[in-house]
Amino acid sequence: MPREPATEECPVSLVTDEDLARARLDPAFRYELVVGNLRMLLDEINKMRAVRSDALDCKEIREGVRLAVQLSELLQRINGKGASAPGHLGAGNLGAGNLGAGNLGAGRVA
């Protein structure tokens, strides 16, 4: 069964058990799955930043940034194990340019 599509009730595409099983066997699919989730996380962090007046002190944003770093590290490990990472999925396209220290207070995340 393929990945559950996003709906109005659930705006996130859910990962199925079949997706997880395939990701264990297929490094390229695993890479794409992590990239998609990282993009979604970065989009949500940026939305929160835009509507919160306390964005630099917001616990949820700090947690999201920590998770984004973990996902980025996972992508590097996956790519190092032979996943064919398409060139268009570089850090610049993942929204990393939007996550500079000045934008999210990354110096305060740790």
PDB file of N, CA and C in Angstrom:
ATOM      1  N   MET A   1       0.848  -1.177   0.000  1.00  0.00           N
ATOM      2  CA  MET A   1       0.000   0.000   0.000  1.00  0.00           C
ATOM      3  C   MET A   1       0.890   1.235   0.000  1.00  0.00           C
ATOM      4  N   PRO A   2       0.653   2.195  -0.899  1.00  0.00           N
ATOM      5  CA  PRO A   2       1.478   3.402  -0.963  1.00  0.00           C
ATOM      6  C   PRO A   2       1.175   4.355   0.185  1.00  0.00           C
ATOM      7  N   ARG A   3       1.967   5.363   0.269  1.00  0.00           N
ATOM      8  CA  ARG A   3       1.834   6.381   1.302  1.00  0.00           C
ATOM      9  C   ARG A   3       0.441   7.003   1.263  1.00  0.00           C
ATOM     10  N   GLU A   4      -0.125   7.214   2.452  1.00  0.00           N
ATOM     11  CA  GLU A   4      -1.447   7.824   2.557  1.00  0.00           C
ATOM     12  C   GLU A   4      -1.370   9.281   2.097  1.00  0.00           C
ATOM     13  N   PRO A   5      -2.241   9.709   1.176  1.00  0.00           N
ATOM     14  CA  PRO A   5      -2.188  11.103   0.716  1.00  0.00           C
ATOM     15  C   PRO A   5      -2.706  12.061   1.788  1.00  0.00           C
ATOM     16  N   ALA A   6      -2.237  13.282   1.722  1.00  0.00           N
ATOM     17  CA  ALA A   6      -2.710  14.317   2.638  1.00  0.00           C
ATOM     18  C   ALA A   6      -4.161  14.638   2.319  1.00  0.00           C
ATOM     19  N   THR A   7      -4.928  14.965   3.361  1.00  0.00           N
ATOM     20  CA  THR A   7      -6.325  15.345   3.196  1.00  0.00           C
ATOM     21  C   THR A   7      -6.583  16.610   3.987  1.00  0.00           C
ATOM     22  N   GLU A   8      -7.805  17.144   3.886  1.00  0.00           N
ATOM     23  CA  GLU A   8      -8.145  18.329   4.663  1.00  0.00           C
ATOM     24  C   GLU A   8      -8.080  18.053   6.153  1.00  0.00           C
ATOM     25  N   GLU A   9      -8.550  16.872   6.568  1.00  0.00           N
ATOM     26  CA  GLU A   9      -8.537  16.512   7.976  1.00  0.00           C
ATOM     27  C   GLU A   9      -7.115  16.283   8.483  1.00  0.00           C
ATOM     28  N   CYS A  10      -6.281  15.729   7.637  1.00  0.00           N
ATOM     29  CA  CYS A  10      -4.896  15.428   7.990  1.00  0.00           C
ATOM     30  C   CYS A  10      -3.990  15.981   6.896  1.00  0.00           C
ATOM     31  N   PRO A  11      -3.463  17.209   7.088  1.00  0.00           N
ATOM     32  CA  PRO A  11      -2.692  17.858   6.031  1.00  0.00           C
ATOM     33  C   PRO A  11      -1.309  17.243   5.796  1.00  0.00           C
ATOM     34  N   VAL A  12      -0.982  16.192   6.548  1.00  0.00           N
ATOM     35  CA  VAL A  12       0.320  15.548   6.431  1.00  0.00           C
ATOM     36  C   VAL A  12       0.138  14.201   5.752  1.00  0.00           C
ATOM     37  N   SER A  13       1.038  13.880   4.853  1.00  0.00           N
ATOM     38  CA  SER A  13       1.034  12.575   4.216  1.00  0.00           C
ATOM     39  C   SER A  13       1.597  11.562   5.213  1.00  0.00           C
ATOM     40  N   LEU A  14       0.784  10.604   5.623  1.00  0.00           N
ATOM     41  CA  LEU A  14       1.214   9.645   6.637  1.00  0.00           C
ATOM     42  C   LEU A  14       2.096   8.566   6.030  1.00  0.00           C
ATOM     43  N   VAL A  15       3.084   8.148   6.795  1.00  0.00           N
ATOM     44  CA  VAL A  15       3.976   7.073   6.380  1.00  0.00           C
ATOM     45  C   VAL A  15       3.328   5.758   6.791  1.00  0.00           C
ATOM     46  N   THR A  16       3.241   4.835   5.854  1.00  0.00           N
ATOM     47  CA  THR A  16       2.622   3.539   6.122  1.00  0.00           C
ATOM     48  C   THR A  16       3.673   2.535   6.582  1.00  0.00           C
ATOM     49  N   ASP A  17       3.211   1.403   7.097  1.00  0.00           N
ATOM     50  CA  ASP A  17       4.119   0.321   7.465  1.00  0.00           C
ATOM     51  C   ASP A  17       4.896  -0.164   6.243  1.00  0.00           C
ATOM     52  N   GLU A  18       4.237  -0.163   5.093  1.00  0.00           N
ATOM     53  CA  GLU A  18       4.904  -0.581   3.857  1.00  0.00           C
ATOM     54  C   GLU A  18       6.030   0.387   3.484  1.00  0.00           C
ATOM     55  N   ASP A  19       5.783   1.691   3.705  1.00  0.00           N
ATOM     56  CA  ASP A  19       6.830   2.688   3.447  1.00  0.00           C
ATOM     57  C   ASP A  19       8.047   2.414   4.334  1.00  0.00           C
ATOM     58  N   LEU A  20       7.783   2.137   5.601  1.00  0.00           N
ATOM     59  CA  LEU A  20       8.883   1.875   6.533  1.00  0.00           C
ATOM     60  C   LEU A  20       9.656   0.616   6.147  1.00  0.00           C
ATOM     61  N   ALA A  21       8.925  -0.425   5.746  1.00  0.00           N
ATOM     62  CA  ALA A  21       9.588  -1.656   5.324  1.00  0.00           C
ATOM     63  C   ALA A  21      10.442  -1.404   4.081  1.00  0.00           C
ATOM     64  N   ARG A  22       9.907  -0.653   3.138  1.00  0.00           N
ATOM     65  CA  ARG A  22      10.672  -0.343   1.918  1.00  0.00           C
ATOM     66  C   ARG A  22      11.891   0.513   2.243  1.00  0.00           C
ATOM     67  N   ALA A  23      11.719   1.463   3.166  1.00  0.00           N
ATOM     68  CA  ALA A  23      12.829   2.342   3.546  1.00  0.00           C
ATOM     69  C   ALA A  23      13.977   1.548   4.167  1.00  0.00           C
ATOM     70  N   ARG A  24      13.653   0.464   4.866  1.00  0.00           N
ATOM     71  CA  ARG A  24      14.710  -0.367   5.462  1.00  0.00           C
ATOM     72  C   ARG A  24      15.541  -1.057   4.395  1.00  0.00           C
ATOM     73  N   LEU A  25      14.934  -1.330   3.248  1.00  0.00           N
ATOM     74  CA  LEU A  25      15.602  -2.083   2.190  1.00  0.00           C
ATOM     75  C   LEU A  25      16.170  -1.212   1.077  1.00  0.00           C
ATOM     76  N   ASP A  26      15.621  -0.048   0.890  1.00  0.00           N
ATOM     77  CA  ASP A  26      15.960   0.800  -0.258  1.00  0.00           C
ATOM     78  C   ASP A  26      16.523   2.135   0.214  1.00  0.00           C
ATOM     79  N   PRO A  27      17.850   2.301   0.204  1.00  0.00           N
ATOM     80  CA  PRO A  27      18.459   3.540   0.702  1.00  0.00           C
ATOM     81  C   PRO A  27      17.992   4.797  -0.041  1.00  0.00           C
ATOM     82  N   ALA A  28      17.742   4.694  -1.332  1.00  0.00           N
ATOM     83  CA  ALA A  28      17.292   5.871  -2.085  1.00  0.00           C
ATOM     84  C   ALA A  28      15.885   6.285  -1.633  1.00  0.00           C
ATOM     85  N   PHE A  29      15.018   5.309  -1.415  1.00  0.00           N
ATOM     86  CA  PHE A  29      13.670   5.609  -0.926  1.00  0.00           C
ATOM     87  C   PHE A  29      13.741   6.176   0.489  1.00  0.00           C
ATOM     88  N   ARG A  30      14.595   5.602   1.329  1.00  0.00           N
ATOM     89  CA  ARG A  30      14.774   6.098   2.697  1.00  0.00           C
ATOM     90  C   ARG A  30      15.206   7.563   2.668  1.00  0.00           C
ATOM     91  N   TYR A  31      16.139   7.871   1.785  1.00  0.00           N
ATOM     92  CA  TYR A  31      16.626   9.242   1.644  1.00  0.00           C
ATOM     93  C   TYR A  31      15.476  10.176   1.271  1.00  0.00           C
ATOM     94  N   GLU A  32      14.681   9.783   0.274  1.00  0.00           N
ATOM     95  CA  GLU A  32      13.561  10.613  -0.173  1.00  0.00           C
ATOM     96  C   GLU A  32      12.532  10.792   0.941  1.00  0.00           C
ATOM     97  N   LEU A  33      12.284   9.750   1.712  1.00  0.00           N
ATOM     98  CA  LEU A  33      11.338   9.812   2.817  1.00  0.00           C
ATOM     99  C   LEU A  33      11.806  10.814   3.873  1.00  0.00           C
ATOM    100  N   VAL A  34      13.092  10.758   4.210  1.00  0.00           N
ATOM    101  CA  VAL A  34      13.637  11.684   5.206  1.00  0.00           C
ATOM    102  C   VAL A  34      13.643  13.108   4.657  1.00  0.00           C
ATOM    103  N   VAL A  35      13.997  13.281   3.396  1.00  0.00           N
ATOM    104  CA  VAL A  35      13.997  14.612   2.783  1.00  0.00           C
ATOM    105  C   VAL A  35      12.592  15.218   2.833  1.00  0.00           C
ATOM    106  N   GLY A  36      11.599  14.426   2.494  1.00  0.00           N
ATOM    107  CA  GLY A  36      10.224  14.920   2.523  1.00  0.00           C
ATOM    108  C   GLY A  36       9.799  15.356   3.918  1.00  0.00           C
ATOM    109  N   ASN A  37      10.172  14.569   4.909  1.00  0.00           N
ATOM    110  CA  ASN A  37       9.824  14.917   6.284  1.00  0.00           C
ATOM    111  C   ASN A  37      10.601  16.138   6.770  1.00  0.00           C
ATOM    112  N   LEU A  38      11.848  16.258   6.357  1.00  0.00           N
ATOM    113  CA  LEU A  38      12.635  17.430   6.731  1.00  0.00           C
ATOM    114  C   LEU A  38      12.041  18.692   6.110  1.00  0.00           C
ATOM    115  N   ARG A  39      11.661  18.605   4.856  1.00  0.00           N
ATOM    116  CA  ARG A  39      11.038  19.764   4.195  1.00  0.00           C
ATOM    117  C   ARG A  39       9.762  20.182   4.916  1.00  0.00           C
ATOM    118  N   MET A  40       8.943  19.186   5.263  1.00  0.00           N
ATOM    119  CA  MET A  40       7.694  19.463   5.953  1.00  0.00           C
ATOM    120  C   MET A  40       7.976  20.128   7.312  1.00  0.00           C
ATOM    121  N   LEU A  41       8.958  19.618   8.039  1.00  0.00           N
ATOM    122  CA  LEU A  41       9.321  20.190   9.336  1.00  0.00           C
ATOM    123  C   LEU A  41       9.807  21.625   9.190  1.00  0.00           C
ATOM    124  N   LEU A  42      10.668  21.883   8.216  1.00  0.00           N
ATOM    125  CA  LEU A  42      11.172  23.243   8.011  1.00  0.00           C
ATOM    126  C   LEU A  42      10.052  24.202   7.628  1.00  0.00           C
ATOM    127  N   ASP A  43       9.118  23.736   6.806  1.00  0.00           N
ATOM    128  CA  ASP A  43       7.964  24.576   6.444  1.00  0.00           C
ATOM    129  C   ASP A  43       7.160  24.939   7.684  1.00  0.00           C
ATOM    130  N   GLU A  44       6.927  23.964   8.550  1.00  0.00           N
ATOM    131  CA  GLU A  44       6.145  24.215   9.765  1.00  0.00           C
ATOM    132  C   GLU A  44       6.891  25.140  10.727  1.00  0.00           C
ATOM    133  N   ILE A  45       8.200  24.978  10.840  1.00  0.00           N
ATOM    134  CA  ILE A  45       8.997  25.872  11.694  1.00  0.00           C
ATOM    135  C   ILE A  45       8.882  27.304  11.181  1.00  0.00           C
ATOM    136  N   ASN A  46       9.003  27.469   9.882  1.00  0.00           N
ATOM    137  CA  ASN A  46       8.913  28.818   9.307  1.00  0.00           C
ATOM    138  C   ASN A  46       7.527  29.424   9.496  1.00  0.00           C
ATOM    139  N   LYS A  47       6.473  28.597   9.397  1.00  0.00           N
ATOM    140  CA  LYS A  47       5.113  29.099   9.646  1.00  0.00           C
ATOM    141  C   LYS A  47       4.975  29.553  11.096  1.00  0.00           C
ATOM    142  N   MET A  48       5.496  28.759  12.015  1.00  0.00           N
ATOM    143  CA  MET A  48       5.424  29.125  13.436  1.00  0.00           C
ATOM    144  C   MET A  48       6.188  30.418  13.697  1.00  0.00           C
ATOM    145  N   ARG A  49       7.359  30.528  13.094  1.00  0.00           N
ATOM    146  CA  ARG A  49       8.168  31.741  13.261  1.00  0.00           C
ATOM    147  C   ARG A  49       7.407  32.973  12.816  1.00  0.00           C
ATOM    148  N   ALA A  50       6.660  32.816  11.718  1.00  0.00           N
ATOM    149  CA  ALA A  50       5.955  33.956  11.133  1.00  0.00           C
ATOM    150  C   ALA A  50       4.805  34.448  12.013  1.00  0.00           C
ATOM    151  N   VAL A  51       4.196  33.564  12.783  1.00  0.00           N
ATOM    152  CA  VAL A  51       3.022  33.963  13.551  1.00  0.00           C
ATOM    153  C   VAL A  51       3.296  34.141  15.043  1.00  0.00           C
ATOM    154  N   ARG A  52       4.473  33.802  15.505  1.00  0.00           N
ATOM    155  CA  ARG A  52       4.772  33.892  16.933  1.00  0.00           C
ATOM    156  C   ARG A  52       5.619  35.112  17.215  1.00  0.00           C
ATOM    157  N   SER A  53       5.194  35.904  18.169  1.00  0.00           N
ATOM    158  CA  SER A  53       5.986  37.065  18.558  1.00  0.00           C
ATOM    159  C   SER A  53       7.155  36.646  19.435  1.00  0.00           C
ATOM    160  N   ASP A  54       7.078  35.463  20.018  1.00  0.00           N
ATOM    161  CA  ASP A  54       8.138  34.977  20.900  1.00  0.00           C
ATOM    162  C   ASP A  54       8.964  33.877  20.226  1.00  0.00           C
ATOM    163  N   ALA A  55       9.149  33.975  18.915  1.00  0.00           N
ATOM    164  CA  ALA A  55       9.788  32.904  18.147  1.00  0.00           C
ATOM    165  C   ALA A  55      11.159  32.522  18.680  1.00  0.00           C
ATOM    166  N   LEU A  56      11.944  33.472  19.181  1.00  0.00           N
ATOM    167  CA  LEU A  56      13.279  33.138  19.676  1.00  0.00           C
ATOM    168  C   LEU A  56      13.224  32.345  20.974  1.00  0.00           C
ATOM    169  N   ASP A  57      12.174  32.482  21.726  1.00  0.00           N
ATOM    170  CA  ASP A  57      12.052  31.784  23.001  1.00  0.00           C
ATOM    171  C   ASP A  57      11.094  30.597  22.935  1.00  0.00           C
ATOM    172  N   CYS A  58      10.510  30.341  21.799  1.00  0.00           N
ATOM    173  CA  CYS A  58       9.480  29.315  21.666  1.00  0.00           C
ATOM    174  C   CYS A  58      10.089  27.914  21.764  1.00  0.00           C
ATOM    175  N   LYS A  59       9.660  27.166  22.764  1.00  0.00           N
ATOM    176  CA  LYS A  59      10.169  25.817  23.001  1.00  0.00           C
ATOM    177  C   LYS A  59       9.899  24.901  21.804  1.00  0.00           C
ATOM    178  N   GLU A  60       8.715  25.021  21.208  1.00  0.00           N
ATOM    179  CA  GLU A  60       8.367  24.160  20.083  1.00  0.00           C
ATOM    180  C   GLU A  60       9.285  24.399  18.890  1.00  0.00           C
ATOM    181  N   ILE A  61       9.627  25.657  18.640  1.00  0.00           N
ATOM    182  CA  ILE A  61      10.525  25.964  17.525  1.00  0.00           C
ATOM    183  C   ILE A  61      11.916  25.413  17.813  1.00  0.00           C
ATOM    184  N   ARG A  62      12.399  25.576  19.030  1.00  0.00           N
ATOM    185  CA  ARG A  62      13.719  25.032  19.385  1.00  0.00           C
ATOM    186  C   ARG A  62      13.736  23.514  19.213  1.00  0.00           C
ATOM    187  N   GLU A  63      12.672  22.846  19.653  1.00  0.00           N
ATOM    188  CA  GLU A  63      12.588  21.393  19.487  1.00  0.00           C
ATOM    189  C   GLU A  63      12.554  21.018  18.002  1.00  0.00           C
ATOM    190  N   GLY A  64      11.820  21.791  17.207  1.00  0.00           N
ATOM    191  CA  GLY A  64      11.763  21.542  15.775  1.00  0.00           C
ATOM    192  C   GLY A  64      13.113  21.703  15.115  1.00  0.00           C
ATOM    193  N   VAL A  65      13.869  22.716  15.542  1.00  0.00           N
ATOM    194  CA  VAL A  65      15.204  22.932  14.986  1.00  0.00           C
ATOM    195  C   VAL A  65      16.124  21.769  15.362  1.00  0.00           C
ATOM    196  N   ARG A  66      16.037  21.307  16.609  1.00  0.00           N
ATOM    197  CA  ARG A  66      16.845  20.146  17.024  1.00  0.00           C
ATOM    198  C   ARG A  66      16.508  18.923  16.166  1.00  0.00           C
ATOM    199  N   LEU A  67      15.219  18.697  15.945  1.00  0.00           N
ATOM    200  CA  LEU A  67      14.808  17.568  15.123  1.00  0.00           C
ATOM    201  C   LEU A  67      15.289  17.740  13.680  1.00  0.00           C
ATOM    202  N   ALA A  68      15.230  18.946  13.160  1.00  0.00           N
ATOM    203  CA  ALA A  68      15.718  19.205  11.793  1.00  0.00           C
ATOM    204  C   ALA A  68      17.206  18.890  11.684  1.00  0.00           C
ATOM    205  N   VAL A  69      17.968  19.234  12.710  1.00  0.00           N
ATOM    206  CA  VAL A  69      19.403  18.912  12.712  1.00  0.00           C
ATOM    207  C   VAL A  69      19.590  17.399  12.718  1.00  0.00           C
ATOM    208  N   GLN A  70      18.812  16.685  13.534  1.00  0.00           N
ATOM    209  CA  GLN A  70      18.909  15.225  13.573  1.00  0.00           C
ATOM    210  C   GLN A  70      18.559  14.612  12.220  1.00  0.00           C
ATOM    211  N   LEU A  71      17.510  15.123  11.577  1.00  0.00           N
ATOM    212  CA  LEU A  71      17.145  14.619  10.254  1.00  0.00           C
ATOM    213  C   LEU A  71      18.235  14.914   9.231  1.00  0.00           C
ATOM    214  N   SER A  72      18.854  16.083   9.323  1.00  0.00           N
ATOM    215  CA  SER A  72      19.945  16.429   8.410  1.00  0.00           C
ATOM    216  C   SER A  72      21.130  15.490   8.603  1.00  0.00           C
ATOM    217  N   GLU A  73      21.433  15.179   9.854  1.00  0.00           N
ATOM    218  CA  GLU A  73      22.522  14.237  10.134  1.00  0.00           C
ATOM    219  C   GLU A  73      22.187  12.849   9.602  1.00  0.00           C
ATOM    220  N   LEU A  74      20.929  12.441   9.742  1.00  0.00           N
ATOM    221  CA  LEU A  74      20.497  11.157   9.200  1.00  0.00           C
ATOM    222  C   LEU A  74      20.656  11.138   7.679  1.00  0.00           C
ATOM    223  N   LEU A  75      20.298  12.226   7.025  1.00  0.00           N
ATOM    224  CA  LEU A  75      20.463  12.307   5.564  1.00  0.00           C
ATOM    225  C   LEU A  75      21.928  12.153   5.176  1.00  0.00           C
ATOM    226  N   GLN A  76      22.814  12.764   5.938  1.00  0.00           N
ATOM    227  CA  GLN A  76      24.238  12.639   5.634  1.00  0.00           C
ATOM    228  C   GLN A  76      24.707  11.195   5.792  1.00  0.00           C
ATOM    229  N   ARG A  77      24.216  10.509   6.838  1.00  0.00           N
ATOM    230  CA  ARG A  77      24.601   9.103   7.031  1.00  0.00           C
ATOM    231  C   ARG A  77      24.024   8.230   5.920  1.00  0.00           C
ATOM    232  N   ILE A  78      22.770   8.477   5.544  1.00  0.00           N
ATOM    233  CA  ILE A  78      22.146   7.700   4.473  1.00  0.00           C
ATOM    234  C   ILE A  78      22.922   7.908   3.183  1.00  0.00           C
ATOM    235  N   ASN A  79      23.235   9.147   2.875  1.00  0.00           N
ATOM    236  CA  ASN A  79      23.949   9.460   1.642  1.00  0.00           C
ATOM    237  C   ASN A  79      25.332   8.827   1.655  1.00  0.00           C
ATOM    238  N   GLY A  80      25.947   8.748   2.804  1.00  0.00           N
ATOM    239  CA  GLY A  80      27.269   8.141   2.920  1.00  0.00           C
ATOM    240  C   GLY A  80      27.250   6.639   2.715  1.00  0.00           C
ATOM    241  N   LYS A  81      26.073   6.017   2.855  1.00  0.00           N
ATOM    242  CA  LYS A  81      25.963   4.568   2.698  1.00  0.00           C
ATOM    243  C   LYS A  81      25.525   4.171   1.295  1.00  0.00           C
ATOM    244  N   GLY A  82      25.584   5.089   0.352  1.00  0.00           N
ATOM    245  CA  GLY A  82      25.341   4.718  -1.036  1.00  0.00           C
ATOM    246  C   GLY A  82      23.986   5.080  -1.597  1.00  0.00           C
ATOM    247  N   ALA A  83      23.156   5.776  -0.865  1.00  0.00           N
ATOM    248  CA  ALA A  83      21.888   6.208  -1.449  1.00  0.00           C
ATOM    249  C   ALA A  83      22.196   7.198  -2.549  1.00  0.00           C
ATOM    250  N   SER A  84      21.526   7.063  -3.671  1.00  0.00           N
ATOM    251  CA  SER A  84      21.771   8.014  -4.745  1.00  0.00           C
ATOM    252  C   SER A  84      20.923   9.243  -4.494  1.00  0.00           C
ATOM    253  N   ALA A  85      21.549  10.246  -3.898  1.00  0.00           N
ATOM    254  CA  ALA A  85      20.850  11.484  -3.570  1.00  0.00           C
ATOM    255  C   ALA A  85      20.866  12.392  -4.779  1.00  0.00           C
ATOM    256  N   PRO A  86      19.686  12.703  -5.341  1.00  0.00           N
ATOM    257  CA  PRO A  86      19.637  13.599  -6.499  1.00  0.00           C
ATOM    258  C   PRO A  86      20.244  14.951  -6.164  1.00  0.00           C
ATOM    259  N   GLY A  87      20.915  15.537  -7.130  1.00  0.00           N
ATOM    260  CA  GLY A  87      21.590  16.808  -6.919  1.00  0.00           C
ATOM    261  C   GLY A  87      20.671  17.938  -6.509  1.00  0.00           C
ATOM    262  N   HIS A  88      19.391  17.896  -6.899  1.00  0.00           N
ATOM    263  CA  HIS A  88      18.476  18.994  -6.583  1.00  0.00           C
ATOM    264  C   HIS A  88      18.047  18.986  -5.125  1.00  0.00           C
ATOM    265  N   LEU A  89      18.506  18.022  -4.331  1.00  0.00           N
ATOM    266  CA  LEU A  89      18.096  17.949  -2.939  1.00  0.00           C
ATOM    267  C   LEU A  89      19.166  18.484  -2.009  1.00  0.00           C
ATOM    268  N   GLY A  90      19.978  19.380  -2.496  1.00  0.00           N
ATOM    269  CA  GLY A  90      21.026  19.952  -1.656  1.00  0.00           C
ATOM    270  C   GLY A  90      20.459  20.780  -0.523  1.00  0.00           C
ATOM    271  N   ALA A  91      21.295  21.105   0.440  1.00  0.00           N
ATOM    272  CA  ALA A  91      20.860  21.820   1.638  1.00  0.00           C
ATOM    273  C   ALA A  91      20.172  23.140   1.303  1.00  0.00           C
ATOM    274  N   GLY A  92      20.620  23.808   0.248  1.00  0.00           N
ATOM    275  CA  GLY A  92      20.000  25.074  -0.110  1.00  0.00           C
ATOM    276  C   GLY A  92      18.532  24.928  -0.477  1.00  0.00           C
ATOM    277  N   ASN A  93      18.177  23.810  -1.048  1.00  0.00           N
ATOM    278  CA  ASN A  93      16.793  23.570  -1.432  1.00  0.00           C
ATOM    279  C   ASN A  93      15.943  23.027  -0.293  1.00  0.00           C
ATOM    280  N   LEU A  94      16.561  22.645   0.798  1.00  0.00           N
ATOM    281  CA  LEU A  94      15.816  22.116   1.935  1.00  0.00           C
ATOM    282  C   LEU A  94      15.378  23.205   2.880  1.00  0.00           C
ATOM    283  N   GLY A  95      15.695  24.427   2.565  1.00  0.00           N
ATOM    284  CA  GLY A  95      15.296  25.507   3.438  1.00  0.00           C
ATOM    285  C   GLY A  95      16.364  25.884   4.438  1.00  0.00           C
ATOM    286  N   ALA A  96      17.547  25.301   4.317  1.00  0.00           N
ATOM    287  CA  ALA A  96      18.601  25.596   5.281  1.00  0.00           C
ATOM    288  C   ALA A  96      18.965  27.073   5.258  1.00  0.00           C
ATOM    289  N   GLY A  97      18.824  27.700   4.107  1.00  0.00           N
ATOM    290  CA  GLY A  97      19.107  29.128   4.033  1.00  0.00           C
ATOM    291  C   GLY A  97      18.180  29.948   4.900  1.00  0.00           C
ATOM    292  N   ASN A  98      17.006  29.412   5.199  1.00  0.00           N
ATOM    293  CA  ASN A  98      16.044  30.101   6.044  1.00  0.00           C
ATOM    294  C   ASN A  98      16.277  29.849   7.523  1.00  0.00           C
ATOM    295  N   LEU A  99      17.237  29.005   7.851  1.00  0.00           N
ATOM    296  CA  LEU A  99      17.432  28.624   9.242  1.00  0.00           C
ATOM    297  C   LEU A  99      18.727  29.171   9.817  1.00  0.00           C
ATOM    298  N   GLY A 100      19.156  30.305   9.331  1.00  0.00           N
ATOM    299  CA  GLY A 100      20.375  30.891   9.866  1.00  0.00           C
ATOM    300  C   GLY A 100      20.204  31.340  11.305  1.00  0.00           C
ATOM    301  N   ALA A 101      21.296  31.566  11.969  1.00  0.00           N
ATOM    302  CA  ALA A 101      21.256  31.958  13.384  1.00  0.00           C
ATOM    303  C   ALA A 101      20.429  33.209  13.607  1.00  0.00           C
ATOM    304  N   GLY A 102      20.475  34.133  12.678  1.00  0.00           N
ATOM    305  CA  GLY A 102      19.707  35.353  12.836  1.00  0.00           C
ATOM    306  C   GLY A 102      18.216  35.136  12.717  1.00  0.00           C
ATOM    307  N   ASN A 103      17.809  34.127  11.969  1.00  0.00           N
ATOM    308  CA  ASN A 103      16.386  33.891  11.751  1.00  0.00           C
ATOM    309  C   ASN A 103      15.702  33.117  12.863  1.00  0.00           C
ATOM    310  N   LEU A 104      16.388  32.137  13.445  1.00  0.00           N
ATOM    311  CA  LEU A 104      15.749  31.303  14.444  1.00  0.00           C
ATOM    312  C   LEU A 104      16.442  31.349  15.797  1.00  0.00           C
ATOM    313  N   GLY A 105      17.466  32.127  15.917  1.00  0.00           N
ATOM    314  CA  GLY A 105      18.163  32.138  17.187  1.00  0.00           C
ATOM    315  C   GLY A 105      18.873  30.821  17.429  1.00  0.00           C
ATOM    316  N   ALA A 106      19.465  30.258  16.361  1.00  0.00           N
ATOM    317  CA  ALA A 106      20.078  28.943  16.473  1.00  0.00           C
ATOM    318  C   ALA A 106      21.143  28.901  17.549  1.00  0.00           C
ATOM    319  N   GLY A 107      21.763  30.016  17.840  1.00  0.00           N
ATOM    320  CA  GLY A 107      22.755  30.026  18.894  1.00  0.00           C
ATOM    321  C   GLY A 107      22.156  29.704  20.262  1.00  0.00           C
ATOM    322  N   ARG A 108      20.844  29.857  20.365  1.00  0.00           N
ATOM    323  CA  ARG A 108      20.165  29.595  21.630  1.00  0.00           C
ATOM    324  C   ARG A 108      19.482  28.231  21.662  1.00  0.00           C
ATOM    325  N   VAL A 109      19.618  27.452  20.580  1.00  0.00           N
ATOM    326  CA  VAL A 109      18.903  26.185  20.474  1.00  0.00           C
ATOM    327  C   VAL A 109      19.494  25.126  21.376  1.00  0.00           C
ATOM    328  N   ALA A 110      20.797  25.072  21.486  1.00  0.00           N
ATOM    329  CA  ALA A 110      21.460  23.981  22.223  1.00  0.00           C
ATOM    330  C   ALA A 110      21.085  23.946  23.679  1.00  0.00           C
TER     331      ALA A 110
END
